[in-house]
Amino acid sequence: MIRSATPKDVQAMADLEASEPMGSQWTAAQIGEDLKKNDAIVLISEIDNQINGHAVAWAIAGELEIMTLAVSPTSRRMGLGMKLLQALLAAQKHRNAFLELRESNQPALALYLRAGFEIVGRRKNYYRDGEDALIMRRDSKN
């Protein structure tokens, strides 16, 4: 089930972020702040009251910026990432969507390409370890 996150979900979301192999930097405090923003969309997926994925996006200046999307290791390769992404896009279906991701994050890159995103740029040395970020865009007509 995918639903809007609540404050009681924040720590589980932060724990999932901390377990990400790509080294996410999202903390409980940051996720908690997003819950308070009127322009933030914060979704979780849960099975049997266990959070197994989440997605956060900001609706800014007529566009949707996807900030994070994470799926627990035991729930990967089952279509959950796509369901969370589709839920974000449906929440703001009239907007173009943007995101950035590590160049080495091939599973995420494949997901976003399947969902109609295109690589439109690169941010050199964007991450703390010096890795580049790919900038991706999906037009609202997709």
Protein backbone atom coordinates (compact mmCIF):
# COMPACT_ATOMS: atom_id res chain seq x y z
CA MET A 1 0.00 0.00 0.00
CA ILE A 2 1.29 3.47 -0.87
CA ARG A 3 0.15 6.35 1.34
CA SER A 4 1.23 9.77 2.53
CA ALA A 5 3.87 9.65 5.22
CA THR A 6 3.21 10.82 8.77
CA PRO A 7 5.62 11.98 11.47
CA LYS A 8 5.67 8.49 12.98
CA ASP A 9 7.15 7.16 9.70
CA VAL A 10 10.16 9.48 9.70
CA GLN A 11 12.65 7.31 11.60
CA ALA A 12 11.91 4.22 9.51
CA MET A 13 12.38 6.34 6.38
CA ALA A 14 15.70 7.68 7.67
CA ASP A 15 16.83 4.15 8.53
CA LEU A 16 16.03 3.04 4.98
CA GLU A 17 17.96 6.00 3.58
CA ALA A 18 20.96 5.12 5.76
CA SER A 19 20.95 1.56 4.41
CA GLU A 20 21.07 2.68 0.77
CA PRO A 21 24.19 1.40 -1.00
CA MET A 22 24.61 4.72 -2.80
CA GLY A 23 25.15 6.52 0.50
CA SER A 24 22.10 8.76 0.82
CA GLN A 25 22.46 11.78 3.05
CA TRP A 26 18.78 12.21 3.98
CA THR A 27 18.35 12.37 7.76
CA ALA A 28 15.29 12.03 9.99
CA ALA A 29 15.41 15.78 10.59
CA GLN A 30 15.35 16.55 6.86
CA ILE A 31 12.52 14.13 6.18
CA GLY A 32 10.59 15.58 9.14
CA GLU A 33 11.01 19.07 7.70
CA ASP A 34 9.70 17.91 4.34
CA LEU A 35 6.53 16.65 6.01
CA LYS A 36 5.87 20.21 7.18
CA LYS A 37 6.26 21.78 3.72
CA ASN A 38 3.12 22.53 1.75
CA ASP A 39 4.97 21.91 -1.51
CA ALA A 40 6.40 18.50 -0.54
CA ILE A 41 4.97 15.12 -1.48
CA VAL A 42 6.15 12.44 0.93
CA LEU A 43 4.95 8.91 0.26
CA ILE A 44 5.68 5.56 1.81
CA SER A 45 5.00 1.99 0.81
CA GLU A 46 4.25 -0.54 3.48
CA ILE A 47 3.39 -4.19 3.79
CA ASP A 48 2.12 -5.58 7.09
CA ASN A 49 2.84 -2.24 8.80
CA GLN A 50 6.49 -2.36 7.70
CA ILE A 51 7.82 0.45 5.54
CA ASN A 52 9.53 -1.05 2.50
CA GLY A 53 9.96 2.07 0.40
CA HIS A 54 9.43 5.80 0.20
CA ALA A 55 9.63 8.74 -2.16
CA VAL A 56 9.96 12.48 -1.59
CA ALA A 57 9.40 15.23 -4.16
CA TRP A 58 8.96 18.99 -4.10
CA ALA A 59 6.43 20.79 -6.29
CA ILE A 60 8.30 24.00 -7.10
CA ALA A 61 7.66 26.70 -9.72
CA GLY A 62 5.31 24.50 -11.71
CA GLU A 63 7.68 21.53 -11.74
CA LEU A 64 8.20 18.40 -9.71
CA GLU A 65 11.68 17.79 -8.32
CA ILE A 66 12.16 14.23 -7.10
CA MET A 67 14.45 14.37 -4.11
CA THR A 68 14.72 10.73 -3.06
CA LEU A 69 13.21 7.36 -3.83
CA ALA A 70 14.32 4.32 -1.81
CA VAL A 71 13.24 0.69 -1.67
CA SER A 72 14.35 -1.79 0.98
CA PRO A 73 16.75 -4.48 -0.26
CA THR A 74 14.19 -7.24 0.37
CA SER A 75 11.58 -5.46 -1.78
CA ARG A 76 13.74 -4.61 -4.80
CA ARG A 77 13.13 -5.95 -8.31
CA MET A 78 9.40 -6.28 -7.61
CA GLY A 79 8.14 -3.08 -9.27
CA LEU A 80 7.84 -1.07 -6.06
CA GLY A 81 10.19 1.69 -7.23
CA MET A 82 8.07 2.21 -10.33
CA LYS A 83 4.87 2.26 -8.27
CA LEU A 84 6.30 4.91 -5.95
CA LEU A 85 7.53 6.95 -8.91
CA GLN A 86 4.15 6.70 -10.64
CA ALA A 87 2.40 7.81 -7.44
CA LEU A 88 4.64 10.90 -7.27
CA LEU A 89 4.02 11.73 -10.91
CA ALA A 90 0.26 11.18 -10.54
CA ALA A 91 0.14 13.52 -7.54
CA GLN A 92 1.41 16.32 -9.79
CA LYS A 93 0.60 14.98 -13.25
CA HIS A 94 0.53 18.37 -14.94
CA ARG A 95 4.14 19.15 -14.08
CA ASN A 96 7.43 18.39 -15.73
CA ALA A 97 9.61 16.31 -13.41
CA PHE A 98 13.33 16.53 -12.67
CA LEU A 99 15.79 14.56 -10.60
CA GLU A 100 19.46 13.92 -10.23
CA LEU A 101 21.20 10.67 -9.47
CA ARG A 102 24.66 9.21 -9.19
CA GLU A 103 26.07 8.23 -12.53
CA SER A 104 26.94 4.80 -11.07
CA ASN A 105 23.39 4.09 -9.86
CA GLN A 106 22.49 1.89 -12.80
CA PRO A 107 19.32 0.34 -11.27
CA ALA A 108 17.85 3.81 -10.64
CA LEU A 109 18.94 5.03 -14.06
CA ALA A 110 17.16 2.08 -15.70
CA LEU A 111 14.00 2.77 -13.67
CA TYR A 112 13.88 6.43 -14.66
CA LEU A 113 14.58 5.70 -18.33
CA ARG A 114 11.70 3.16 -18.34
CA ALA A 115 9.46 5.84 -16.83
CA GLY A 116 10.18 8.27 -19.68
CA PHE A 117 12.94 10.38 -18.14
CA GLU A 118 15.82 11.54 -20.32
CA ILE A 119 19.33 12.58 -19.34
CA VAL A 120 19.55 16.33 -19.94
CA GLY A 121 22.75 17.26 -18.13
CA ARG A 122 25.55 16.40 -15.77
CA ARG A 123 26.85 18.00 -12.58
CA LYS A 124 30.57 17.32 -12.34
CA ASN A 125 31.90 16.26 -8.94
CA TYR A 126 28.45 16.76 -7.41
CA TYR A 127 28.68 14.19 -4.63
CA ARG A 128 31.06 14.35 -1.67
CA ASP A 129 33.13 11.52 -3.09
CA GLY A 130 33.57 13.39 -6.39
CA GLU A 131 31.12 11.34 -8.45
CA ASP A 132 29.11 13.13 -11.13
CA ALA A 133 25.33 13.51 -10.96
CA LEU A 134 23.15 12.94 -13.99
CA ILE A 135 20.26 15.39 -14.37
CA MET A 136 17.11 13.82 -15.74
CA ARG A 137 13.83 15.30 -16.97
CA ARG A 138 10.43 13.92 -17.84
CA ASP A 139 7.97 16.17 -19.64
CA SER A 140 4.42 16.19 -18.34
CA LYS A 141 3.15 14.89 -21.67
CA ASN A 142 4.88 11.51 -21.06
